Amino acid sequence: MKKLIFATALSFIGLTAFAQEETAELQTDNTITKTVQDFEEISVSDLPAAVVAAVKKDYPTATIDKAYKNESNQFKLELSLKDGANGTVYADADGNWIEI
């Protein structure tokens, strides 16, 4: 009986030792870079004036929630309208709408 209790205790200790893995701490530098479909997130204030003007002209009730830019100087814009609708549009640096 003593051997059974001892074996059970050893098994329990052995299983708990495997469950306690060390995890590396996440190092943060307060910089967030997000790349989506080769687009890197940028600040909305970094958008060219032509792109902002195109949004205001074609989507007067829209607000630009997020902006992304790729290597080809194309922009991906996540818009939300006052009626609650959301959408994504693509534009070049001159404010022309493109399809990707």
PDB file of N, CA and C in Angstrom:
ATOM      1  N   MET A   1       0.808  -1.177   0.000  1.00  0.00           N
ATOM      2  CA  MET A   1       0.000   0.000   0.000  1.00  0.00           C
ATOM      3  C   MET A   1       0.868   1.265   0.000  1.00  0.00           C
ATOM      4  N   LYS A   2       1.976   1.210   0.793  1.00  0.00           N
ATOM      5  CA  LYS A   2       2.872   2.355   0.839  1.00  0.00           C
ATOM      6  C   LYS A   2       3.496   2.602  -0.525  1.00  0.00           C
ATOM      7  N   LYS A   3       3.820   1.523  -1.239  1.00  0.00           N
ATOM      8  CA  LYS A   3       4.423   1.656  -2.560  1.00  0.00           C
ATOM      9  C   LYS A   3       3.437   2.293  -3.547  1.00  0.00           C
ATOM     10  N   LEU A   4       2.174   1.957  -3.423  1.00  0.00           N
ATOM     11  CA  LEU A   4       1.160   2.519  -4.305  1.00  0.00           C
ATOM     12  C   LEU A   4       1.014   4.024  -4.071  1.00  0.00           C
ATOM     13  N   ILE A   5       0.977   4.450  -2.836  1.00  0.00           N
ATOM     14  CA  ILE A   5       0.862   5.871  -2.509  1.00  0.00           C
ATOM     15  C   ILE A   5       2.112   6.617  -2.960  1.00  0.00           C
ATOM     16  N   PHE A   6       3.273   6.006  -2.737  1.00  0.00           N
ATOM     17  CA  PHE A   6       4.535   6.619  -3.142  1.00  0.00           C
ATOM     18  C   PHE A   6       4.604   6.761  -4.658  1.00  0.00           C
ATOM     19  N   ALA A   7       4.188   5.726  -5.385  1.00  0.00           N
ATOM     20  CA  ALA A   7       4.209   5.759  -6.851  1.00  0.00           C
ATOM     21  C   ALA A   7       3.239   6.821  -7.385  1.00  0.00           C
ATOM     22  N   THR A   8       2.091   6.950  -6.756  1.00  0.00           N
ATOM     23  CA  THR A   8       1.116   7.965  -7.166  1.00  0.00           C
ATOM     24  C   THR A   8       1.672   9.364  -6.937  1.00  0.00           C
ATOM     25  N   ALA A   9       2.309   9.568  -5.799  1.00  0.00           N
ATOM     26  CA  ALA A   9       2.887  10.878  -5.493  1.00  0.00           C
ATOM     27  C   ALA A   9       3.988  11.225  -6.489  1.00  0.00           C
ATOM     28  N   LEU A  10       4.840  10.263  -6.817  1.00  0.00           N
ATOM     29  CA  LEU A  10       5.908  10.499  -7.787  1.00  0.00           C
ATOM     30  C   LEU A  10       5.329  10.811  -9.169  1.00  0.00           C
ATOM     31  N   SER A  11       4.276  10.126  -9.563  1.00  0.00           N
ATOM     32  CA  SER A  11       3.644  10.375 -10.857  1.00  0.00           C
ATOM     33  C   SER A  11       3.076  11.788 -10.912  1.00  0.00           C
ATOM     34  N   PHE A  12       2.418  12.193  -9.844  1.00  0.00           N
ATOM     35  CA  PHE A  12       1.838  13.521  -9.786  1.00  0.00           C
ATOM     36  C   PHE A  12       2.916  14.602  -9.876  1.00  0.00           C
ATOM     37  N   ILE A  13       3.997  14.423  -9.147  1.00  0.00           N
ATOM     38  CA  ILE A  13       5.096  15.389  -9.167  1.00  0.00           C
ATOM     39  C   ILE A  13       5.740  15.435 -10.552  1.00  0.00           C
ATOM     40  N   GLY A  14       5.894  14.278 -11.169  1.00  0.00           N
ATOM     41  CA  GLY A  14       6.493  14.218 -12.501  1.00  0.00           C
ATOM     42  C   GLY A  14       5.632  14.914 -13.547  1.00  0.00           C
ATOM     43  N   LEU A  15       4.322  14.744 -13.465  1.00  0.00           N
ATOM     44  CA  LEU A  15       3.434  15.377 -14.429  1.00  0.00           C
ATOM     45  C   LEU A  15       3.393  16.888 -14.258  1.00  0.00           C
ATOM     46  N   THR A  16       3.416  17.357 -13.028  1.00  0.00           N
ATOM     47  CA  THR A  16       3.382  18.798 -12.815  1.00  0.00           C
ATOM     48  C   THR A  16       4.690  19.452 -13.232  1.00  0.00           C
ATOM     49  N   ALA A  17       5.778  18.728 -13.170  1.00  0.00           N
ATOM     50  CA  ALA A  17       7.059  19.283 -13.597  1.00  0.00           C
ATOM     51  C   ALA A  17       7.063  19.520 -15.099  1.00  0.00           C
ATOM     52  N   PHE A  18       6.419  18.645 -15.876  1.00  0.00           N
ATOM     53  CA  PHE A  18       6.353  18.826 -17.324  1.00  0.00           C
ATOM     54  C   PHE A  18       5.404  19.953 -17.705  1.00  0.00           C
ATOM     55  N   ALA A  19       4.407  20.202 -16.903  1.00  0.00           N
ATOM     56  CA  ALA A  19       3.419  21.232 -17.222  1.00  0.00           C
ATOM     57  C   ALA A  19       3.954  22.637 -17.002  1.00  0.00           C
ATOM     58  N   GLN A  20       5.053  22.786 -16.294  1.00  0.00           N
ATOM     59  CA  GLN A  20       5.582  24.113 -15.994  1.00  0.00           C
ATOM     60  C   GLN A  20       6.744  24.438 -16.926  1.00  0.00           C
ATOM     61  N   GLU A  21       6.400  24.822 -18.132  1.00  0.00           N
ATOM     62  CA  GLU A  21       7.430  25.215 -19.087  1.00  0.00           C
ATOM     63  C   GLU A  21       7.770  26.681 -18.880  1.00  0.00           C
ATOM     64  N   GLU A  22       9.003  27.016 -19.134  1.00  0.00           N
ATOM     65  CA  GLU A  22       9.393  28.409 -19.064  1.00  0.00           C
ATOM     66  C   GLU A  22       8.994  29.075 -20.365  1.00  0.00           C
ATOM     67  N   THR A  23       8.433  30.246 -20.267  1.00  0.00           N
ATOM     68  CA  THR A  23       8.071  30.999 -21.456  1.00  0.00           C
ATOM     69  C   THR A  23       8.913  32.251 -21.512  1.00  0.00           C
ATOM     70  N   ALA A  24       9.327  32.591 -22.700  1.00  0.00           N
ATOM     71  CA  ALA A  24      10.138  33.783 -22.879  1.00  0.00           C
ATOM     72  C   ALA A  24       9.272  35.021 -22.694  1.00  0.00           C
ATOM     73  N   GLU A  25       9.847  36.034 -22.093  1.00  0.00           N
ATOM     74  CA  GLU A  25       9.116  37.276 -21.906  1.00  0.00           C
ATOM     75  C   GLU A  25       9.069  38.032 -23.219  1.00  0.00           C
ATOM     76  N   LEU A  26       7.958  38.657 -23.457  1.00  0.00           N
ATOM     77  CA  LEU A  26       7.779  39.448 -24.663  1.00  0.00           C
ATOM     78  C   LEU A  26       8.430  40.805 -24.478  1.00  0.00           C
ATOM     79  N   GLN A  27       9.349  41.118 -25.350  1.00  0.00           N
ATOM     80  CA  GLN A  27      10.018  42.405 -25.304  1.00  0.00           C
ATOM     81  C   GLN A  27       9.210  43.394 -26.138  1.00  0.00           C
ATOM     82  N   THR A  28       8.827  44.490 -25.567  1.00  0.00           N
ATOM     83  CA  THR A  28       8.064  45.495 -26.300  1.00  0.00           C
ATOM     84  C   THR A  28       8.866  46.778 -26.390  1.00  0.00           C
ATOM     85  N   ASP A  29       8.730  47.420 -27.524  1.00  0.00           N
ATOM     86  CA  ASP A  29       9.386  48.706 -27.707  1.00  0.00           C
ATOM     87  C   ASP A  29       8.369  49.775 -28.123  1.00  0.00           C
ATOM     88  N   ASN A  30       7.086  49.478 -27.894  1.00  0.00           N
ATOM     89  CA  ASN A  30       5.987  50.390 -28.176  1.00  0.00           C
ATOM     90  C   ASN A  30       5.880  50.770 -29.643  1.00  0.00           C
ATOM     91  N   THR A  31       6.481  49.998 -30.531  1.00  0.00           N
ATOM     92  CA  THR A  31       6.361  50.220 -31.960  1.00  0.00           C
ATOM     93  C   THR A  31       5.565  49.076 -32.547  1.00  0.00           C
ATOM     94  N   ILE A  32       4.486  49.422 -33.212  1.00  0.00           N
ATOM     95  CA  ILE A  32       3.652  48.403 -33.826  1.00  0.00           C
ATOM     96  C   ILE A  32       3.735  48.570 -35.336  1.00  0.00           C
ATOM     97  N   THR A  33       4.157  47.527 -35.997  1.00  0.00           N
ATOM     98  CA  THR A  33       4.205  47.521 -37.443  1.00  0.00           C
ATOM     99  C   THR A  33       3.370  46.351 -37.915  1.00  0.00           C
ATOM    100  N   LYS A  34       2.380  46.641 -38.705  1.00  0.00           N
ATOM    101  CA  LYS A  34       1.497  45.600 -39.191  1.00  0.00           C
ATOM    102  C   LYS A  34       1.583  45.571 -40.709  1.00  0.00           C
ATOM    103  N   THR A  35       1.840  44.397 -41.264  1.00  0.00           N
ATOM    104  CA  THR A  35       1.892  44.228 -42.706  1.00  0.00           C
ATOM    105  C   THR A  35       0.752  43.326 -43.125  1.00  0.00           C
ATOM    106  N   VAL A  36      -0.096  43.839 -44.017  1.00  0.00           N
ATOM    107  CA  VAL A  36      -1.243  43.096 -44.499  1.00  0.00           C
ATOM    108  C   VAL A  36      -1.185  43.088 -46.009  1.00  0.00           C
ATOM    109  N   GLN A  37      -1.062  41.909 -46.613  1.00  0.00           N
ATOM    110  CA  GLN A  37      -1.012  41.764 -48.064  1.00  0.00           C
ATOM    111  C   GLN A  37       0.034  42.703 -48.663  1.00  0.00           C
ATOM    112  N   ASP A  38       1.213  42.731 -48.139  1.00  0.00           N
ATOM    113  CA  ASP A  38       2.314  43.587 -48.572  1.00  0.00           C
ATOM    114  C   ASP A  38       2.054  45.067 -48.315  1.00  0.00           C
ATOM    115  N   PHE A  39       1.021  45.392 -47.556  1.00  0.00           N
ATOM    116  CA  PHE A  39       0.753  46.767 -47.160  1.00  0.00           C
ATOM    117  C   PHE A  39       1.200  46.935 -45.716  1.00  0.00           C
ATOM    118  N   GLU A  40       1.910  48.007 -45.445  1.00  0.00           N
ATOM    119  CA  GLU A  40       2.356  48.303 -44.091  1.00  0.00           C
ATOM    120  C   GLU A  40       1.519  49.452 -43.544  1.00  0.00           C
ATOM    121  N   GLU A  41       1.054  49.295 -42.313  1.00  0.00           N
ATOM    122  CA  GLU A  41       0.186  50.311 -41.728  1.00  0.00           C
ATOM    123  C   GLU A  41       0.945  51.620 -41.525  1.00  0.00           C
ATOM    124  N   ILE A  42       0.280  52.717 -41.901  1.00  0.00           N
ATOM    125  CA  ILE A  42       0.832  54.050 -41.712  1.00  0.00           C
ATOM    126  C   ILE A  42      -0.200  54.895 -40.974  1.00  0.00           C
ATOM    127  N   SER A  43       0.209  56.031 -40.523  1.00  0.00           N
ATOM    128  CA  SER A  43      -0.709  56.954 -39.865  1.00  0.00           C
ATOM    129  C   SER A  43      -1.594  57.616 -40.919  1.00  0.00           C
ATOM    130  N   VAL A  44      -2.832  57.868 -40.569  1.00  0.00           N
ATOM    131  CA  VAL A  44      -3.756  58.530 -41.493  1.00  0.00           C
ATOM    132  C   VAL A  44      -3.219  59.911 -41.854  1.00  0.00           C
ATOM    133  N   SER A  45      -2.532  60.561 -40.942  1.00  0.00           N
ATOM    134  CA  SER A  45      -1.975  61.893 -41.216  1.00  0.00           C
ATOM    135  C   SER A  45      -0.840  61.846 -42.242  1.00  0.00           C
ATOM    136  N   ASP A  46      -0.291  60.652 -42.516  1.00  0.00           N
ATOM    137  CA  ASP A  46       0.785  60.515 -43.504  1.00  0.00           C
ATOM    138  C   ASP A  46       0.269  60.313 -44.924  1.00  0.00           C
ATOM    139  N   LEU A  47      -1.047  60.272 -45.098  1.00  0.00           N
ATOM    140  CA  LEU A  47      -1.612  60.085 -46.435  1.00  0.00           C
ATOM    141  C   LEU A  47      -1.384  61.328 -47.283  1.00  0.00           C
ATOM    142  N   PRO A  48      -1.146  61.141 -48.589  1.00  0.00           N
ATOM    143  CA  PRO A  48      -1.027  62.305 -49.475  1.00  0.00           C
ATOM    144  C   PRO A  48      -2.346  63.078 -49.520  1.00  0.00           C
ATOM    145  N   ALA A  49      -2.242  64.381 -49.735  1.00  0.00           N
ATOM    146  CA  ALA A  49      -3.426  65.236 -49.776  1.00  0.00           C
ATOM    147  C   ALA A  49      -4.388  64.801 -50.883  1.00  0.00           C
ATOM    148  N   ALA A  50      -3.858  64.282 -51.992  1.00  0.00           N
ATOM    149  CA  ALA A  50      -4.706  63.853 -53.105  1.00  0.00           C
ATOM    150  C   ALA A  50      -5.585  62.672 -52.701  1.00  0.00           C
ATOM    151  N   VAL A  51      -5.071  61.775 -51.892  1.00  0.00           N
ATOM    152  CA  VAL A  51      -5.845  60.612 -51.444  1.00  0.00           C
ATOM    153  C   VAL A  51      -6.946  61.058 -50.480  1.00  0.00           C
ATOM    154  N   VAL A  52      -6.605  61.931 -49.559  1.00  0.00           N
ATOM    155  CA  VAL A  52      -7.598  62.441 -48.605  1.00  0.00           C
ATOM    156  C   VAL A  52      -8.685  63.202 -49.346  1.00  0.00           C
ATOM    157  N   ALA A  53      -8.300  63.999 -50.343  1.00  0.00           N
ATOM    158  CA  ALA A  53      -9.276  64.757 -51.130  1.00  0.00           C
ATOM    159  C   ALA A  53     -10.200  63.824 -51.914  1.00  0.00           C
ATOM    160  N   ALA A  54      -9.659  62.729 -52.440  1.00  0.00           N
ATOM    161  CA  ALA A  54     -10.475  61.769 -53.193  1.00  0.00           C
ATOM    162  C   ALA A  54     -11.506  61.108 -52.280  1.00  0.00           C
ATOM    163  N   VAL A  55     -11.113  60.801 -51.059  1.00  0.00           N
ATOM    164  CA  VAL A  55     -12.058  60.206 -50.103  1.00  0.00           C
ATOM    165  C   VAL A  55     -13.161  61.210 -49.785  1.00  0.00           C
ATOM    166  N   LYS A  56     -12.790  62.456 -49.534  1.00  0.00           N
ATOM    167  CA  LYS A  56     -13.790  63.477 -49.202  1.00  0.00           C
ATOM    168  C   LYS A  56     -14.736  63.730 -50.377  1.00  0.00           C
ATOM    169  N   LYS A  57     -14.216  63.657 -51.588  1.00  0.00           N
ATOM    170  CA  LYS A  57     -15.033  63.909 -52.772  1.00  0.00           C
ATOM    171  C   LYS A  57     -16.006  62.755 -53.025  1.00  0.00           C
ATOM    172  N   ASP A  58     -15.494  61.523 -53.026  1.00  0.00           N
ATOM    173  CA  ASP A  58     -16.307  60.367 -53.407  1.00  0.00           C
ATOM    174  C   ASP A  58     -17.049  59.722 -52.246  1.00  0.00           C
ATOM    175  N   TYR A  59     -16.577  59.924 -51.030  1.00  0.00           N
ATOM    176  CA  TYR A  59     -17.216  59.372 -49.837  1.00  0.00           C
ATOM    177  C   TYR A  59     -17.328  60.480 -48.781  1.00  0.00           C
ATOM    178  N   PRO A  60     -18.217  61.446 -48.988  1.00  0.00           N
ATOM    179  CA  PRO A  60     -18.254  62.619 -48.103  1.00  0.00           C
ATOM    180  C   PRO A  60     -18.604  62.317 -46.651  1.00  0.00           C
ATOM    181  N   THR A  61     -19.289  61.214 -46.389  1.00  0.00           N
ATOM    182  CA  THR A  61     -19.645  60.889 -44.997  1.00  0.00           C
ATOM    183  C   THR A  61     -18.683  59.888 -44.370  1.00  0.00           C
ATOM    184  N   ALA A  62     -17.603  59.584 -45.063  1.00  0.00           N
ATOM    185  CA  ALA A  62     -16.668  58.555 -44.588  1.00  0.00           C
ATOM    186  C   ALA A  62     -15.572  59.152 -43.714  1.00  0.00           C
ATOM    187  N   THR A  63     -15.096  58.323 -42.803  1.00  0.00           N
ATOM    188  CA  THR A  63     -13.886  58.639 -42.046  1.00  0.00           C
ATOM    189  C   THR A  63     -12.880  57.530 -42.310  1.00  0.00           C
ATOM    190  N   ILE A  64     -11.625  57.903 -42.397  1.00  0.00           N
ATOM    191  CA  ILE A  64     -10.561  56.936 -42.639  1.00  0.00           C
ATOM    192  C   ILE A  64     -10.123  56.379 -41.295  1.00  0.00           C
ATOM    193  N   ASP A  65     -10.395  55.083 -41.081  1.00  0.00           N
ATOM    194  CA  ASP A  65     -10.047  54.442 -39.818  1.00  0.00           C
ATOM    195  C   ASP A  65      -8.588  54.016 -39.783  1.00  0.00           C
ATOM    196  N   LYS A  66      -8.141  53.368 -40.866  1.00  0.00           N
ATOM    197  CA  LYS A  66      -6.762  52.891 -40.946  1.00  0.00           C
ATOM    198  C   LYS A  66      -6.255  53.104 -42.360  1.00  0.00           C
ATOM    199  N   ALA A  67      -4.954  53.277 -42.476  1.00  0.00           N
ATOM    200  CA  ALA A  67      -4.327  53.461 -43.784  1.00  0.00           C
ATOM    201  C   ALA A  67      -3.101  52.565 -43.871  1.00  0.00           C
ATOM    202  N   TYR A  68      -2.891  52.024 -45.049  1.00  0.00           N
ATOM    203  CA  TYR A  68      -1.745  51.147 -45.316  1.00  0.00           C
ATOM    204  C   TYR A  68      -1.094  51.589 -46.616  1.00  0.00           C
ATOM    205  N   LYS A  69       0.191  51.324 -46.762  1.00  0.00           N
ATOM    206  CA  LYS A  69       0.932  51.692 -47.962  1.00  0.00           C
ATOM    207  C   LYS A  69       1.815  50.514 -48.369  1.00  0.00           C
ATOM    208  N   ASN A  70       1.949  50.280 -49.674  1.00  0.00           N
ATOM    209  CA  ASN A  70       2.852  49.226 -50.137  1.00  0.00           C
ATOM    210  C   ASN A  70       4.045  49.843 -50.860  1.00  0.00           C
ATOM    211  N   GLU A  71       4.935  48.995 -51.367  1.00  0.00           N
ATOM    212  CA  GLU A  71       6.157  49.463 -52.020  1.00  0.00           C
ATOM    213  C   GLU A  71       5.883  50.196 -53.324  1.00  0.00           C
ATOM    214  N   SER A  72       4.731  49.933 -53.944  1.00  0.00           N
ATOM    215  CA  SER A  72       4.366  50.577 -55.204  1.00  0.00           C
ATOM    216  C   SER A  72       3.699  51.928 -54.991  1.00  0.00           C
ATOM    217  N   ASN A  73       3.725  52.424 -53.769  1.00  0.00           N
ATOM    218  CA  ASN A  73       3.112  53.701 -53.413  1.00  0.00           C
ATOM    219  C   ASN A  73       1.601  53.693 -53.650  1.00  0.00           C
ATOM    220  N   GLN A  74       1.005  52.548 -53.339  1.00  0.00           N
ATOM    221  CA  GLN A  74      -0.447  52.403 -53.387  1.00  0.00           C
ATOM    222  C   GLN A  74      -0.951  52.354 -51.954  1.00  0.00           C
ATOM    223  N   PHE A  75      -2.180  52.792 -51.767  1.00  0.00           N
ATOM    224  CA  PHE A  75      -2.725  52.910 -50.428  1.00  0.00           C
ATOM    225  C   PHE A  75      -3.979  52.075 -50.267  1.00  0.00           C
ATOM    226  N   LYS A  76      -4.075  51.412 -49.143  1.00  0.00           N
ATOM    227  CA  LYS A  76      -5.259  50.655 -48.762  1.00  0.00           C
ATOM    228  C   LYS A  76      -5.891  51.430 -47.619  1.00  0.00           C
ATOM    229  N   LEU A  77      -7.167  51.776 -47.771  1.00  0.00           N
ATOM    230  CA  LEU A  77      -7.854  52.590 -46.775  1.00  0.00           C
ATOM    231  C   LEU A  77      -9.050  51.845 -46.232  1.00  0.00           C
ATOM    232  N   GLU A  78      -9.154  51.781 -44.928  1.00  0.00           N
ATOM    233  CA  GLU A  78     -10.331  51.208 -44.279  1.00  0.00           C
ATOM    234  C   GLU A  78     -11.217  52.374 -43.867  1.00  0.00           C
ATOM    235  N   LEU A  79     -12.423  52.425 -44.454  1.00  0.00           N
ATOM    236  CA  LEU A  79     -13.340  53.525 -44.235  1.00  0.00           C
ATOM    237  C   LEU A  79     -14.552  53.071 -43.442  1.00  0.00           C
ATOM    238  N   SER A  80     -15.137  54.007 -42.715  1.00  0.00           N
ATOM    239  CA  SER A  80     -16.420  53.747 -42.074  1.00  0.00           C
ATOM    240  C   SER A  80     -17.325  54.944 -42.379  1.00  0.00           C
ATOM    241  N   LEU A  81     -18.555  54.634 -42.746  1.00  0.00           N
ATOM    242  CA  LEU A  81     -19.527  55.664 -43.084  1.00  0.00           C
ATOM    243  C   LEU A  81     -20.381  55.996 -41.873  1.00  0.00           C
ATOM    244  N   LYS A  82     -21.048  57.139 -41.926  1.00  0.00           N
ATOM    245  CA  LYS A  82     -21.884  57.556 -40.805  1.00  0.00           C
ATOM    246  C   LYS A  82     -23.041  56.603 -40.566  1.00  0.00           C
ATOM    247  N   ASP A  83     -23.492  55.892 -41.617  1.00  0.00           N
ATOM    248  CA  ASP A  83     -24.609  54.953 -41.441  1.00  0.00           C
ATOM    249  C   ASP A  83     -24.174  53.620 -40.838  1.00  0.00           C
ATOM    250  N   GLY A  84     -22.888  53.483 -40.520  1.00  0.00           N
ATOM    251  CA  GLY A  84     -22.377  52.278 -39.878  1.00  0.00           C
ATOM    252  C   GLY A  84     -21.730  51.295 -40.826  1.00  0.00           C
ATOM    253  N   ALA A  85     -21.790  51.550 -42.116  1.00  0.00           N
ATOM    254  CA  ALA A  85     -21.168  50.657 -43.094  1.00  0.00           C
ATOM    255  C   ALA A  85     -19.649  50.829 -43.065  1.00  0.00           C
ATOM    256  N   ASN A  86     -18.940  49.738 -43.313  1.00  0.00           N
ATOM    257  CA  ASN A  86     -17.477  49.741 -43.378  1.00  0.00           C
ATOM    258  C   ASN A  86     -17.049  49.214 -44.731  1.00  0.00           C
ATOM    259  N   GLY A  87     -15.887  49.633 -45.181  1.00  0.00           N
ATOM    260  CA  GLY A  87     -15.374  49.133 -46.448  1.00  0.00           C
ATOM    261  C   GLY A  87     -13.905  49.423 -46.598  1.00  0.00           C
ATOM    262  N   THR A  88     -13.328  48.807 -47.606  1.00  0.00           N
ATOM    263  CA  THR A  88     -11.918  48.994 -47.914  1.00  0.00           C
ATOM    264  C   THR A  88     -11.800  49.437 -49.355  1.00  0.00           C
ATOM    265  N   VAL A  89     -11.023  50.478 -49.595  1.00  0.00           N
ATOM    266  CA  VAL A  89     -10.773  50.978 -50.948  1.00  0.00           C
ATOM    267  C   VAL A  89      -9.268  51.101 -51.139  1.00  0.00           C
ATOM    268  N   TYR A  90      -8.859  51.114 -52.408  1.00  0.00           N
ATOM    269  CA  TYR A  90      -7.451  51.216 -52.751  1.00  0.00           C
ATOM    270  C   TYR A  90      -7.264  52.420 -53.656  1.00  0.00           C
ATOM    271  N   ALA A  91      -6.178  53.156 -53.452  1.00  0.00           N
ATOM    272  CA  ALA A  91      -5.900  54.339 -54.260  1.00  0.00           C
ATOM    273  C   ALA A  91      -4.406  54.429 -54.522  1.00  0.00           C
ATOM    274  N   ASP A  92      -4.078  55.151 -55.604  1.00  0.00           N
ATOM    275  CA  ASP A  92      -2.670  55.434 -55.841  1.00  0.00           C
ATOM    276  C   ASP A  92      -2.334  56.777 -55.201  1.00  0.00           C
ATOM    277  N   ALA A  93      -1.103  57.223 -55.331  1.00  0.00           N
ATOM    278  CA  ALA A  93      -0.648  58.450 -54.672  1.00  0.00           C
ATOM    279  C   ALA A  93      -1.327  59.699 -55.223  1.00  0.00           C
ATOM    280  N   ASP A  94      -1.893  59.601 -56.437  1.00  0.00           N
ATOM    281  CA  ASP A  94      -2.559  60.745 -57.050  1.00  0.00           C
ATOM    282  C   ASP A  94      -4.033  60.819 -56.710  1.00  0.00           C
ATOM    283  N   GLY A  95      -4.527  59.873 -55.902  1.00  0.00           N
ATOM    284  CA  GLY A  95      -5.934  59.874 -55.505  1.00  0.00           C
ATOM    285  C   GLY A  95      -6.852  59.157 -56.469  1.00  0.00           C
ATOM    286  N   ASN A  96      -6.283  58.383 -57.392  1.00  0.00           N
ATOM    287  CA  ASN A  96      -7.083  57.600 -58.330  1.00  0.00           C
ATOM    288  C   ASN A  96      -7.419  56.252 -57.692  1.00  0.00           C
ATOM    289  N   TRP A  97      -8.672  55.820 -57.816  1.00  0.00           N
ATOM    290  CA  TRP A  97      -9.087  54.534 -57.245  1.00  0.00           C
ATOM    291  C   TRP A  97      -8.552  53.412 -58.106  1.00  0.00           C
ATOM    292  N   ILE A  98      -8.062  52.364 -57.459  1.00  0.00           N
ATOM    293  CA  ILE A  98      -7.518  51.195 -58.177  1.00  0.00           C
ATOM    294  C   ILE A  98      -8.155  49.939 -57.621  1.00  0.00           C
ATOM    295  N   GLU A  99      -8.092  48.875 -58.413  1.00  0.00           N
ATOM    296  CA  GLU A  99      -8.560  47.566 -57.971  1.00  0.00           C
ATOM    297  C   GLU A  99      -7.385  46.659 -57.770  1.00  0.00           C
ATOM    298  N   ILE A 100      -7.369  46.005 -56.644  1.00  0.00           N
ATOM    299  CA  ILE A 100      -6.270  45.068 -56.348  1.00  0.00           C
ATOM    300  C   ILE A 100      -6.880  43.716 -56.062  1.00  0.00           C
TER     301      ILE A 100
END
